[in-house]
Amino acid sequence: MWKYELSPDLLYLAVVYIELDCVA
């Protein structure tokens, strides 16, 4: 996946945001 050093919380929020953006 991505090579960014993100914390689990930030990664989770990013995934949720992307999913909501796709659904919207």
C-alpha atoms as a PDB file:
ATOM      1  CA  MET A   1       0.000   0.000   0.000  1.00  0.00           C
ATOM      2  CA  TRP A   2       1.234   3.454   0.913  1.00  0.00           C
ATOM      3  CA  LYS A   3       4.754   4.069   2.160  1.00  0.00           C
ATOM      4  CA  TYR A   4       3.678   6.836   4.522  1.00  0.00           C
ATOM      5  CA  GLU A   5       4.411   6.533   8.236  1.00  0.00           C
ATOM      6  CA  LEU A   6       0.878   7.007   9.517  1.00  0.00           C
ATOM      7  CA  SER A   7      -0.425   6.007  12.888  1.00  0.00           C
ATOM      8  CA  PRO A   8      -3.232   3.372  12.908  1.00  0.00           C
ATOM      9  CA  ASP A   9      -5.767   6.022  13.913  1.00  0.00           C
ATOM     10  CA  LEU A  10      -4.853   8.382  11.084  1.00  0.00           C
ATOM     11  CA  LEU A  11      -4.802   5.509   8.599  1.00  0.00           C
ATOM     12  CA  TYR A  12      -8.251   4.403   9.773  1.00  0.00           C
ATOM     13  CA  LEU A  13      -9.637   7.928   9.451  1.00  0.00           C
ATOM     14  CA  ALA A  14      -8.121   8.234   5.973  1.00  0.00           C
ATOM     15  CA  VAL A  15      -9.766   4.977   4.840  1.00  0.00           C
ATOM     16  CA  VAL A  16     -13.140   5.990   6.285  1.00  0.00           C
ATOM     17  CA  TYR A  17     -12.898   9.421   4.641  1.00  0.00           C
ATOM     18  CA  ILE A  18     -12.083   7.891   1.246  1.00  0.00           C
ATOM     19  CA  GLU A  19     -14.946   5.409   1.527  1.00  0.00           C
ATOM     20  CA  LEU A  20     -17.433   8.115   2.520  1.00  0.00           C
ATOM     21  CA  ASP A  21     -16.185  10.334  -0.311  1.00  0.00           C
ATOM     22  CA  CYS A  22     -16.710   7.522  -2.829  1.00  0.00           C
ATOM     23  CA  VAL A  23     -20.208   6.814  -1.539  1.00  0.00           C
ATOM     24  CA  ALA A  24     -21.235  10.471  -1.491  1.00  0.00           C
END
